[in-house]
């Protein structure tokens, strides 16, 4: 069994982070399933882009 690795965020992680925001955006549920917010990229930008652009030193990614 491989251990989970936590590393600093890099720019190429952005699309995957946006996907995770959308896939878990409604109390852990995918927003597509609850038909609440149709624009995946906009939702991801609203909840993560500030940190990914201006607080990069505080962003980390867990890899399994």
C-alpha atoms as a PDB file:
ATOM      1  CA  UNK A   1       0.000   0.000   0.000  1.00  0.00           C
ATOM      2  CA  UNK A   2       1.406   3.367  -1.050  1.00  0.00           C
ATOM      3  CA  UNK A   3       1.317   6.276   1.327  1.00  0.00           C
ATOM      4  CA  UNK A   4      -0.511   9.473   0.538  1.00  0.00           C
ATOM      5  CA  UNK A   5       1.816  12.320  -0.420  1.00  0.00           C
ATOM      6  CA  UNK A   6       1.057  15.924   0.456  1.00  0.00           C
ATOM      7  CA  UNK A   7       2.881  18.449  -1.662  1.00  0.00           C
ATOM      8  CA  UNK A   8       2.734  22.130  -2.558  1.00  0.00           C
ATOM      9  CA  UNK A   9       0.235  23.233  -5.190  1.00  0.00           C
ATOM     10  CA  UNK A  10       1.545  23.853  -8.698  1.00  0.00           C
ATOM     11  CA  UNK A  11      -0.255  25.587 -11.569  1.00  0.00           C
ATOM     12  CA  UNK A  12      -0.974  22.332 -13.445  1.00  0.00           C
ATOM     13  CA  UNK A  13      -3.208  21.203 -10.523  1.00  0.00           C
ATOM     14  CA  UNK A  14      -5.740  23.980 -11.194  1.00  0.00           C
ATOM     15  CA  UNK A  15      -8.168  22.058 -13.442  1.00  0.00           C
ATOM     16  CA  UNK A  16      -8.309  19.098 -11.077  1.00  0.00           C
ATOM     17  CA  UNK A  17      -8.944  21.364  -8.094  1.00  0.00           C
ATOM     18  CA  UNK A  18     -11.821  23.029  -9.957  1.00  0.00           C
ATOM     19  CA  UNK A  19     -13.248  19.568 -10.701  1.00  0.00           C
ATOM     20  CA  UNK A  20     -13.034  18.591  -7.026  1.00  0.00           C
ATOM     21  CA  UNK A  21     -14.764  21.840  -5.975  1.00  0.00           C
ATOM     22  CA  UNK A  22     -17.659  21.088  -8.302  1.00  0.00           C
ATOM     23  CA  UNK A  23     -17.807  17.371  -7.527  1.00  0.00           C
ATOM     24  CA  UNK A  24     -18.091  18.024  -3.778  1.00  0.00           C
ATOM     25  CA  UNK A  25     -19.697  21.485  -3.775  1.00  0.00           C
ATOM     26  CA  UNK A  26     -23.060  20.618  -2.246  1.00  0.00           C
ATOM     27  CA  UNK A  27     -22.349  19.090   1.175  1.00  0.00           C
ATOM     28  CA  UNK A  28     -20.000  16.593  -0.451  1.00  0.00           C
ATOM     29  CA  UNK A  29     -22.334  15.881  -3.362  1.00  0.00           C
ATOM     30  CA  UNK A  30     -21.725  16.631  -7.027  1.00  0.00           C
ATOM     31  CA  UNK A  31     -23.548  19.803  -8.049  1.00  0.00           C
ATOM     32  CA  UNK A  32     -24.578  18.174 -11.322  1.00  0.00           C
ATOM     33  CA  UNK A  33     -26.546  15.542  -9.396  1.00  0.00           C
ATOM     34  CA  UNK A  34     -28.503  18.125  -7.396  1.00  0.00           C
ATOM     35  CA  UNK A  35     -29.001  20.465 -10.376  1.00  0.00           C
ATOM     36  CA  UNK A  36     -27.944  23.535  -8.394  1.00  0.00           C
ATOM     37  CA  UNK A  37     -25.126  25.166 -10.373  1.00  0.00           C
ATOM     38  CA  UNK A  38     -24.470  24.335 -14.003  1.00  0.00           C
ATOM     39  CA  UNK A  39     -21.182  26.142 -14.653  1.00  0.00           C
ATOM     40  CA  UNK A  40     -18.411  23.912 -13.302  1.00  0.00           C
ATOM     41  CA  UNK A  41     -15.546  26.286 -14.039  1.00  0.00           C
ATOM     42  CA  UNK A  42     -17.269  29.348 -12.557  1.00  0.00           C
ATOM     43  CA  UNK A  43     -18.128  27.442  -9.377  1.00  0.00           C
ATOM     44  CA  UNK A  44     -14.528  26.277  -9.027  1.00  0.00           C
ATOM     45  CA  UNK A  45     -13.242  29.799  -9.593  1.00  0.00           C
ATOM     46  CA  UNK A  46     -15.574  31.229  -6.959  1.00  0.00           C
ATOM     47  CA  UNK A  47     -14.379  28.834  -4.278  1.00  0.00           C
ATOM     48  CA  UNK A  48     -10.711  28.288  -5.073  1.00  0.00           C
ATOM     49  CA  UNK A  49      -9.202  30.816  -7.449  1.00  0.00           C
ATOM     50  CA  UNK A  50      -8.329  33.458  -4.868  1.00  0.00           C
ATOM     51  CA  UNK A  51      -6.192  30.939  -2.990  1.00  0.00           C
ATOM     52  CA  UNK A  52      -4.669  29.459  -6.142  1.00  0.00           C
ATOM     53  CA  UNK A  53      -3.655  32.906  -7.422  1.00  0.00           C
ATOM     54  CA  UNK A  54      -2.858  34.953  -4.314  1.00  0.00           C
ATOM     55  CA  UNK A  55      -2.203  32.475  -1.499  1.00  0.00           C
ATOM     56  CA  UNK A  56      -0.239  29.788  -3.348  1.00  0.00           C
ATOM     57  CA  UNK A  57       2.119  29.347  -0.413  1.00  0.00           C
ATOM     58  CA  UNK A  58      -0.834  28.085   1.641  1.00  0.00           C
ATOM     59  CA  UNK A  59      -2.156  25.600  -0.946  1.00  0.00           C
ATOM     60  CA  UNK A  60      -1.347  21.915  -0.820  1.00  0.00           C
ATOM     61  CA  UNK A  61      -2.393  18.870  -2.823  1.00  0.00           C
ATOM     62  CA  UNK A  62      -2.839  15.335  -1.509  1.00  0.00           C
ATOM     63  CA  UNK A  63      -1.873  12.589  -3.958  1.00  0.00           C
ATOM     64  CA  UNK A  64      -2.869   8.994  -3.462  1.00  0.00           C
END
